[in-house]
C-alpha cells in the first residue's frame, strides 16, 4: 500500500540546501534481534579453517592464540576456554613439550571435518560469486582501492576466506593488485572496472513498470507498532521520490547537506548490505569506509533516520545493522549456500555446549596419556614442516600471525 501510494505521486527533482529535520524513533524488534550477533560463530568458523588447513590437522593452543585478532572474541576470553565449550567440534588432547609440560592441542571432530569438507565444496561452487562481491566493494570506492585492514573487518560478512590474500587475490592478478597506500598501509586495488557488475541490487531488481528509473524507491517496512507521524510519512514520501544515485557512479557533485545526498548514502549501504551473505553488518565495521566511499561526517546517522530500511539491533555489546527487506521475520528470504553451512556449525555449537554442560564429554586422566603416544608422530611431522620450510607459506598459515599473540 505504501509503495503504491508513492508511485502515484508525480516525480520532481529538488536538491534541497538542507536536510529535512525529521527524527524517527528507534523501536525494538525482538524478532530481528535474534538475527544479530554471531561473534562466537565467526570465531569458531575461523578456528575450524585454521585447524583444517594445517598439514597434520592438529594445532597447539599457543599457535591459535597468535591468531586471536582474527577471531573477534573479547580479550577476557581465553581461546582454549572458548574451544572447550564445543567438544563436539574441537577435540582436545595433550602433548608434553621438551620440559615435560602438558600442552593443549586441538583437532577437529569427524563431524566437524565432514561439514568443513561440504563447506569447501560449497565455496568452490560460489567462488565467482564471492570474487564479484569483492570486486563490487572495490568498485564503490574511490580509485577502486581499500586498505587490507578495512577489508579484513568485512571479510566474514562477504564470506571471504581468512587467507583471501593468498587463496583468492594472488590467483587473480587480472583483477587485483596489492598496493602501498599513501598512509603507508597495505591495500588492495581493483585493476580494471567490470561494467557488467556496475549495477546495484536496487537497479537490477527495479520493476519494469517503474515510470521514472531515476527515482527508484527503497523497500520499506517497520516494526509492528512503530506509529509514524503524519509529517514523517509526508517527508518519507517526498524523500523516496528524489533521484536515486547509484553507488557505482561519481557523486562528488552532490551537496552533502541535502536529502538527495542522504538518499545516495542510504543507497550505498543498501548495496553494501546486499553484498554481505547474511544481509547484516556490525556498525563499527563500516566506520573506516567514510573516505573510500566519499561519505560525509556522521554518515551512519542514515541508519537511524531510516528505520524502515535498516534495523539497528542493540543486542549485546555492539550494534548490528540489518537490512529489513531481506528477512521474513528472522529468516533470510534468499539464503546463500554458505549461510546454510554456517547454520550447521551454529547448530553443532549449541548441541555441543548443551552436551558438555550435561557432563557428556568428561574424560579419564589416562585417556590423554594414550593420545600422547598415538599423536606423537603427527606432532613431529608438523614441527618438521613448520620449521624446515619457512618459504612454503601456504602450508605454514599460522606463522604470519605470530606478532598478534596476546595470550
Protein backbone atom coordinates (compact mmCIF):
# COMPACT_ATOMS: atom_id res chain seq x y z
CA UNK A 1 0.00 0.00 0.00
CA UNK A 2 2.75 2.44 0.98
CA UNK A 3 4.79 1.74 -2.18
CA UNK A 4 1.72 2.05 -4.42
CA UNK A 5 0.95 5.39 -2.82
CA UNK A 6 4.48 6.58 -3.55
CA UNK A 7 4.23 5.56 -7.21
CA UNK A 8 1.13 7.76 -7.71
CA UNK A 9 2.98 10.92 -6.68
CA UNK A 10 4.49 12.81 -9.67
CA UNK A 11 8.28 12.87 -9.79
CA UNK A 12 10.20 16.08 -9.33
CA UNK A 13 13.83 16.91 -8.75
CA UNK A 14 14.89 19.07 -5.85
CA UNK A 15 18.35 19.11 -4.33
CA UNK A 16 17.46 20.95 -1.16
CA UNK A 17 20.05 23.10 0.57
CA UNK A 18 19.49 21.47 3.94
CA UNK A 19 18.43 18.10 5.26
CA UNK A 20 14.83 17.98 6.45
CA UNK A 21 14.95 17.86 10.24
CA UNK A 22 12.95 14.71 10.88
CA UNK A 23 13.70 12.33 13.72
CA UNK A 24 12.30 8.83 13.74
CA UNK A 25 12.30 6.90 16.99
CA UNK A 26 14.08 3.58 17.47
CA UNK A 27 11.70 0.74 18.27
CA UNK A 28 13.00 -2.60 19.49
CA UNK A 29 12.29 -5.55 17.20
CA UNK A 30 12.66 -8.76 19.28
CA UNK A 31 12.42 -10.96 16.18
CA UNK A 32 15.24 -9.25 14.26
CA UNK A 33 17.28 -9.08 17.47
CA UNK A 34 17.63 -12.86 17.19
CA UNK A 35 19.41 -12.31 13.86
CA UNK A 36 22.07 -10.06 15.42
CA UNK A 37 25.26 -11.30 16.98
CA UNK A 38 27.27 -14.22 15.69
CA UNK A 39 30.70 -13.39 17.10
CA UNK A 40 31.17 -16.83 18.59
CA UNK A 41 30.09 -18.47 15.34
CA UNK A 42 32.63 -16.37 13.45
CA UNK A 43 35.39 -17.31 15.90
CA UNK A 44 34.51 -21.00 15.65
CA UNK A 45 34.50 -20.93 11.85
CA UNK A 46 37.90 -19.23 11.70
CA UNK A 47 39.37 -21.75 14.15
CA UNK A 48 37.90 -24.62 12.14
CA UNK A 49 39.57 -23.28 8.99
CA UNK A 50 42.91 -22.78 10.73
CA UNK A 51 42.97 -26.33 12.08
CA UNK A 52 41.59 -27.97 8.93
CA UNK A 53 44.19 -26.30 6.70
CA UNK A 54 47.12 -27.34 8.88
CA UNK A 55 49.06 -30.18 7.18
CA UNK A 56 48.57 -32.51 10.16
CA UNK A 57 45.09 -31.32 11.12
CA UNK A 58 46.10 -30.51 14.70
CA UNK A 59 47.39 -27.28 16.24
CA UNK A 60 48.81 -26.36 19.67
CA UNK A 61 46.81 -23.76 21.54
CA UNK A 62 49.72 -21.30 21.67
CA UNK A 63 49.69 -21.07 17.85
CA UNK A 64 45.96 -20.47 17.82
CA UNK A 65 46.40 -17.76 20.45
CA UNK A 66 48.56 -15.85 17.99
CA UNK A 67 45.53 -15.57 15.73
CA UNK A 68 43.06 -14.17 18.23
CA UNK A 69 42.96 -10.86 16.37
CA UNK A 70 41.15 -12.68 13.57
CA UNK A 71 38.51 -14.14 15.88
CA UNK A 72 36.77 -11.08 17.27
CA UNK A 73 36.49 -12.52 20.77
CA UNK A 74 36.60 -10.36 23.89
CA UNK A 75 40.03 -10.02 25.46
CA UNK A 76 38.85 -11.71 28.64
CA UNK A 77 38.01 -14.96 26.82
CA UNK A 78 40.85 -17.46 26.51
CA UNK A 79 40.86 -19.35 23.22
CA UNK A 80 41.27 -22.69 24.97
CA UNK A 81 38.27 -21.92 27.21
CA UNK A 82 36.21 -20.95 24.17
CA UNK A 83 37.10 -24.14 22.28
CA UNK A 84 36.35 -26.37 25.26
CA UNK A 85 32.75 -25.12 25.18
CA UNK A 86 32.24 -27.07 21.95
CA UNK A 87 33.87 -30.51 22.40
CA UNK A 88 31.80 -31.97 19.56
CA UNK A 89 33.74 -29.65 17.20
CA UNK A 90 37.16 -29.23 18.81
CA UNK A 91 38.78 -32.34 20.26
CA UNK A 92 41.44 -31.59 22.86
CA UNK A 93 44.49 -33.71 23.66
CA UNK A 94 47.82 -33.00 25.31
CA UNK A 95 51.44 -33.33 24.21
CA UNK A 96 54.37 -32.87 26.54
CA UNK A 97 56.91 -30.28 25.43
CA UNK A 98 60.68 -30.60 25.89
CA UNK A 99 60.34 -29.54 29.53
CA UNK A 100 57.68 -32.11 30.29
CA UNK A 101 54.79 -29.62 30.44
CA UNK A 102 51.46 -30.86 29.08
CA UNK A 103 50.50 -28.53 26.21
CA UNK A 104 46.86 -28.47 24.99
CA UNK A 105 46.43 -29.30 21.30
CA UNK A 106 43.22 -29.28 19.26
CA UNK A 107 41.95 -31.13 16.23
CA UNK A 108 38.53 -31.31 14.59
CA UNK A 109 35.96 -33.97 15.31
CA UNK A 110 34.91 -36.24 12.46
CA UNK A 111 31.55 -34.45 12.31
CA UNK A 112 33.18 -31.02 12.05
CA UNK A 113 35.55 -32.30 9.36
CA UNK A 114 32.59 -33.58 7.38
CA UNK A 115 30.85 -30.20 7.48
CA UNK A 116 34.12 -28.45 6.63
CA UNK A 117 34.52 -30.60 3.51
CA UNK A 118 30.99 -29.65 2.48
CA UNK A 119 31.92 -26.02 3.08
CA UNK A 120 34.90 -26.37 0.72
CA UNK A 121 32.65 -27.80 -1.99
CA UNK A 122 30.08 -25.03 -1.47
CA UNK A 123 32.78 -22.36 -1.59
CA UNK A 124 34.22 -23.75 -4.82
CA UNK A 125 30.78 -23.51 -6.41
CA UNK A 126 30.43 -19.91 -5.15
CA UNK A 127 33.96 -18.70 -5.93
CA UNK A 128 32.90 -16.43 -8.79
CA UNK A 129 30.09 -15.00 -6.68
CA UNK A 130 32.48 -14.25 -3.79
CA UNK A 131 35.02 -12.70 -6.18
CA UNK A 132 32.30 -10.49 -7.62
CA UNK A 133 31.28 -9.30 -4.16
CA UNK A 134 34.85 -8.19 -3.50
CA UNK A 135 35.07 -6.55 -6.93
CA UNK A 136 31.82 -4.65 -6.38
CA UNK A 137 33.01 -3.44 -2.99
CA UNK A 138 36.17 -2.03 -4.57
CA UNK A 139 34.18 -0.55 -7.46
CA UNK A 140 32.19 1.53 -4.97
CA UNK A 141 35.40 3.02 -3.56
CA UNK A 142 37.42 5.95 -4.77
CA UNK A 143 40.27 4.81 -7.01
CA UNK A 144 38.92 1.27 -6.60
CA UNK A 145 41.14 0.75 -3.54
CA UNK A 146 40.74 -0.21 0.11
CA UNK A 147 43.19 -0.82 2.97
CA UNK A 148 43.55 -4.51 3.77
CA UNK A 149 42.68 -3.64 7.36
CA UNK A 150 39.25 -2.43 6.22
CA UNK A 151 38.64 -5.49 4.05
CA UNK A 152 39.66 -7.70 6.98
CA UNK A 153 36.85 -6.14 9.03
CA UNK A 154 34.36 -7.10 6.32
CA UNK A 155 35.66 -10.48 5.14
CA UNK A 156 33.38 -12.51 7.41
CA UNK A 157 30.35 -10.60 6.10
CA UNK A 158 31.47 -11.00 2.47
CA UNK A 159 32.39 -14.67 3.09
CA UNK A 160 35.99 -14.13 2.05
CA UNK A 161 38.32 -16.91 3.25
CA UNK A 162 40.52 -15.98 6.22
CA UNK A 163 43.58 -16.16 3.93
CA UNK A 164 41.90 -14.44 0.97
CA UNK A 165 45.10 -12.59 0.04
CA UNK A 166 46.82 -15.85 -0.88
CA UNK A 167 43.89 -18.07 -1.75
CA UNK A 168 41.98 -15.57 -3.92
CA UNK A 169 43.73 -12.28 -4.63
CA UNK A 170 47.06 -13.67 -5.80
CA UNK A 171 45.32 -16.15 -8.04
CA UNK A 172 43.57 -13.38 -9.98
CA UNK A 173 46.18 -10.78 -10.99
CA UNK A 174 43.92 -9.83 -13.88
CA UNK A 175 41.56 -8.28 -11.31
CA UNK A 176 43.51 -7.48 -8.14
CA UNK A 177 46.82 -5.94 -7.20
CA UNK A 178 48.39 -5.37 -3.80
CA UNK A 179 49.43 -1.72 -3.36
CA UNK A 180 51.04 0.56 -0.78
CA UNK A 181 48.64 3.36 0.17
CA UNK A 182 49.64 6.97 0.78
CA UNK A 183 49.44 6.47 4.55
CA UNK A 184 51.88 3.55 4.34
CA UNK A 185 49.32 0.80 4.85
CA UNK A 186 48.92 -2.18 2.55
CA UNK A 187 45.90 -2.02 0.31
CA UNK A 188 44.05 -3.86 -2.42
CA UNK A 189 43.26 -2.30 -5.80
CA UNK A 190 40.86 -3.46 -8.47
CA UNK A 191 42.93 -3.39 -11.65
CA UNK A 192 40.09 -2.88 -14.09
CA UNK A 193 36.47 -1.80 -13.99
CA UNK A 194 33.87 -4.51 -14.62
CA UNK A 195 30.96 -2.82 -16.34
CA UNK A 196 28.81 -5.93 -16.05
CA UNK A 197 28.83 -5.51 -12.25
CA UNK A 198 28.23 -1.74 -12.18
CA UNK A 199 24.56 -2.02 -11.27
CA UNK A 200 23.14 -2.02 -7.77
CA UNK A 201 20.74 -4.60 -6.41
CA UNK A 202 18.01 -1.94 -6.39
CA UNK A 203 18.62 -1.13 -10.06
CA UNK A 204 18.71 -4.75 -11.17
CA UNK A 205 15.53 -5.60 -9.28
CA UNK A 206 13.51 -2.47 -10.05
CA UNK A 207 10.13 -3.12 -11.57
CA UNK A 208 9.92 -2.78 -15.37
CA UNK A 209 6.73 -0.79 -14.76
CA UNK A 210 8.60 1.93 -12.86
CA UNK A 211 7.85 5.14 -14.72
CA UNK A 212 10.99 7.05 -13.80
CA UNK A 213 14.13 4.93 -13.48
CA UNK A 214 15.98 7.85 -11.86
CA UNK A 215 13.69 7.96 -8.84
CA UNK A 216 13.94 4.44 -7.52
CA UNK A 217 12.30 3.86 -4.14
CA UNK A 218 13.66 1.59 -1.41
CA UNK A 219 11.52 -1.23 0.00
CA UNK A 220 10.13 -0.07 3.34
CA UNK A 221 8.90 -1.96 6.38
CA UNK A 222 8.54 -1.07 10.05
CA UNK A 223 8.45 -2.89 13.33
CA UNK A 224 4.90 -3.63 14.45
CA UNK A 225 3.58 -0.72 16.48
CA UNK A 226 6.08 1.78 15.07
CA UNK A 227 3.47 4.52 14.65
CA UNK A 228 4.74 7.03 12.07
CA UNK A 229 3.53 10.60 12.48
CA UNK A 230 1.85 12.28 9.51
CA UNK A 231 4.70 14.73 8.96
CA UNK A 232 7.16 11.82 8.90
CA UNK A 233 5.05 9.96 6.36
CA UNK A 234 4.91 13.05 4.16
CA UNK A 235 8.67 13.57 4.38
CA UNK A 236 9.36 9.92 3.60
CA UNK A 237 7.04 10.02 0.57
CA UNK A 238 8.87 13.05 -0.80
CA UNK A 239 12.27 11.58 0.04
CA UNK A 240 11.52 8.37 -1.87
CA UNK A 241 10.71 10.43 -4.99
CA UNK A 242 14.15 12.07 -5.02
CA UNK A 243 16.71 10.90 -7.61
CA UNK A 244 18.50 7.66 -6.85
CA UNK A 245 22.28 7.87 -7.28
CA UNK A 246 23.92 4.54 -7.99
CA UNK A 247 26.80 3.68 -5.63
CA UNK A 248 28.82 2.87 -8.76
CA UNK A 249 28.80 6.41 -10.20
CA UNK A 250 30.68 9.54 -9.21
CA UNK A 251 28.63 11.51 -6.67
CA UNK A 252 31.09 14.31 -5.93
CA UNK A 253 28.68 16.85 -7.42
CA UNK A 254 26.08 16.24 -4.70
CA UNK A 255 25.75 18.73 -1.87
CA UNK A 256 26.26 16.69 1.34
CA UNK A 257 23.74 18.90 3.15
CA UNK A 258 20.80 17.71 1.08
CA UNK A 259 18.25 14.93 1.15
CA UNK A 260 19.44 13.91 -2.30
CA UNK A 261 22.90 13.24 -0.88
CA UNK A 262 21.38 11.35 2.03
CA UNK A 263 19.49 9.13 -0.39
CA UNK A 264 22.80 8.33 -2.05
CA UNK A 265 24.27 7.38 1.36
CA UNK A 266 21.32 5.10 2.02
CA UNK A 267 21.82 3.60 -1.44
CA UNK A 268 25.49 2.89 -0.71
CA UNK A 269 24.71 0.98 2.47
CA UNK A 270 21.70 -0.70 0.94
CA UNK A 271 24.09 -2.09 -1.69
CA UNK A 272 26.82 -2.90 0.85
CA UNK A 273 24.40 -4.93 2.94
CA UNK A 274 23.26 -6.79 -0.17
CA UNK A 275 26.90 -7.72 -0.79
CA UNK A 276 27.06 -9.43 2.61
CA UNK A 277 25.81 -13.01 2.63
CA UNK A 278 23.72 -12.57 5.78
CA UNK A 279 22.49 -9.04 4.97
CA UNK A 280 23.78 -7.62 8.23
CA UNK A 281 26.94 -5.92 9.45
CA UNK A 282 28.33 -4.55 12.70
CA UNK A 283 28.01 -0.79 12.69
CA UNK A 284 31.59 -0.28 13.86
CA UNK A 285 32.93 -2.22 10.88
CA UNK A 286 31.78 0.46 8.42
CA UNK A 287 33.43 3.33 10.28
CA UNK A 288 36.56 3.15 8.10
CA UNK A 289 34.58 3.39 4.87
CA UNK A 290 33.81 7.12 5.01
CA UNK A 291 36.67 8.38 2.86
CA UNK A 292 36.86 5.44 0.41
CA UNK A 293 33.12 5.71 -0.26
CA UNK A 294 33.14 9.51 -0.39
CA UNK A 295 30.73 9.95 2.51
CA UNK A 296 30.23 12.98 4.78
CA UNK A 297 30.88 13.12 8.52
CA UNK A 298 28.42 11.20 10.73
CA UNK A 299 27.27 9.19 7.71
CA UNK A 300 26.00 6.32 9.86
CA UNK A 301 23.20 8.59 11.11
CA UNK A 302 21.42 7.47 7.94
CA UNK A 303 20.75 4.16 9.68
CA UNK A 304 18.86 5.96 12.43
CA UNK A 305 16.90 8.25 10.10
CA UNK A 306 15.65 5.34 8.02
CA UNK A 307 14.44 2.59 10.40
CA UNK A 308 12.09 1.33 7.69
CA UNK A 309 15.10 0.29 5.60
CA UNK A 310 17.65 -0.56 8.28
CA UNK A 311 17.10 -2.06 11.71
CA UNK A 312 19.76 -1.33 14.31
CA UNK A 313 19.94 -4.15 16.82
CA UNK A 314 21.47 -3.14 20.13
CA UNK A 315 21.70 -6.70 21.38
CA UNK A 316 24.93 -7.43 23.23
CA UNK A 317 27.86 -5.05 23.41
CA UNK A 318 27.67 -3.90 19.79
CA UNK A 319 25.21 -2.50 17.25
CA UNK A 320 24.29 -4.61 14.25
CA UNK A 321 22.70 -3.08 11.15
CA UNK A 322 20.22 -5.42 9.44
CA UNK A 323 18.61 -4.89 6.04
CA UNK A 324 14.89 -5.31 6.76
CA UNK A 325 13.71 -6.24 3.28
CA UNK A 326 15.88 -9.37 3.19
CA UNK A 327 14.23 -11.05 6.19
CA UNK A 328 10.87 -12.70 6.72
CA UNK A 329 10.74 -12.44 10.48
CA UNK A 330 14.14 -13.93 11.47
CA UNK A 331 14.74 -15.96 8.32
CA UNK A 332 16.61 -14.83 5.24
CA UNK A 333 14.30 -14.75 2.23
CA UNK A 334 17.13 -15.71 -0.14
CA UNK A 335 19.73 -17.84 1.60
CA UNK A 336 23.29 -18.07 0.30
CA UNK A 337 24.68 -21.65 0.22
CA UNK A 338 27.43 -20.70 2.67
CA UNK A 339 24.82 -19.44 5.13
CA UNK A 340 23.47 -22.99 5.28
CA UNK A 341 26.94 -24.19 6.29
CA UNK A 342 27.20 -21.54 9.00
CA UNK A 343 23.82 -22.55 10.37
CA UNK A 344 25.00 -26.16 10.61
CA UNK A 345 28.05 -25.05 12.58
CA UNK A 346 25.78 -22.95 14.82
CA UNK A 347 23.56 -25.99 15.47
CA UNK A 348 26.62 -28.06 16.35
CA UNK A 349 27.84 -25.36 18.74
CA UNK A 350 24.51 -25.23 20.51
CA UNK A 351 24.35 -29.01 20.86
CA UNK A 352 27.98 -29.32 21.97
CA UNK A 353 27.53 -26.66 24.63
CA UNK A 354 24.44 -28.39 25.99
CA UNK A 355 26.06 -31.84 25.95
CA UNK A 356 29.15 -30.53 27.73
CA UNK A 357 27.01 -28.87 30.41
CA UNK A 358 25.39 -32.27 30.98
CA UNK A 359 28.79 -33.85 31.52
CA UNK A 360 28.76 -36.00 28.39
CA UNK A 361 32.35 -35.17 27.46
CA UNK A 362 34.22 -35.96 30.67
CA UNK A 363 37.47 -37.92 30.13
CA UNK A 364 39.54 -40.20 32.29
CA UNK A 365 43.00 -38.94 33.14
CA UNK A 366 44.67 -41.89 31.42
CA UNK A 367 42.95 -41.19 28.12
CA UNK A 368 45.13 -38.17 27.32
CA UNK A 369 48.31 -40.15 28.00
CA UNK A 370 47.28 -42.74 25.43
CA UNK A 371 46.58 -40.00 22.93
CA UNK A 372 50.05 -38.55 23.59
CA UNK A 373 51.61 -41.65 22.11
CA UNK A 374 49.19 -42.01 19.21
CA UNK A 375 49.62 -38.38 18.13
CA UNK A 376 53.36 -38.06 18.67
CA UNK A 377 54.24 -38.91 15.07
CA UNK A 378 51.82 -36.29 13.75
CA UNK A 379 53.30 -33.67 16.05
CA UNK A 380 56.83 -34.48 14.90
CA UNK A 381 55.73 -34.26 11.28
CA UNK A 382 54.02 -30.94 11.88
CA UNK A 383 57.11 -29.50 13.52
CA UNK A 384 59.26 -30.73 10.65
CA UNK A 385 57.03 -28.99 8.11
CA UNK A 386 56.77 -25.79 10.15
CA UNK A 387 60.43 -25.27 10.91
CA UNK A 388 62.21 -26.69 7.85
CA UNK A 389 60.26 -24.94 5.11
CA UNK A 390 59.66 -21.32 6.03
CA UNK A 391 59.29 -20.39 2.39
CA UNK A 392 56.22 -22.56 1.95
CA UNK A 393 53.72 -20.00 3.26
CA UNK A 394 50.62 -21.88 2.10
CA UNK A 395 51.48 -24.77 4.46
CA UNK A 396 52.51 -22.50 7.29
CA UNK A 397 49.43 -20.33 7.51
CA UNK A 398 49.78 -19.53 11.19
CA UNK A 399 53.33 -18.17 11.03
CA UNK A 400 52.31 -14.85 9.52
CA UNK A 401 50.17 -14.04 12.58
CA UNK A 402 52.87 -14.60 15.20
CA UNK A 403 53.01 -10.89 16.01
CA UNK A 404 49.34 -10.97 17.05
CA UNK A 405 49.97 -13.16 20.09
CA UNK A 406 48.19 -11.77 23.12
CA UNK A 407 47.84 -14.80 25.37
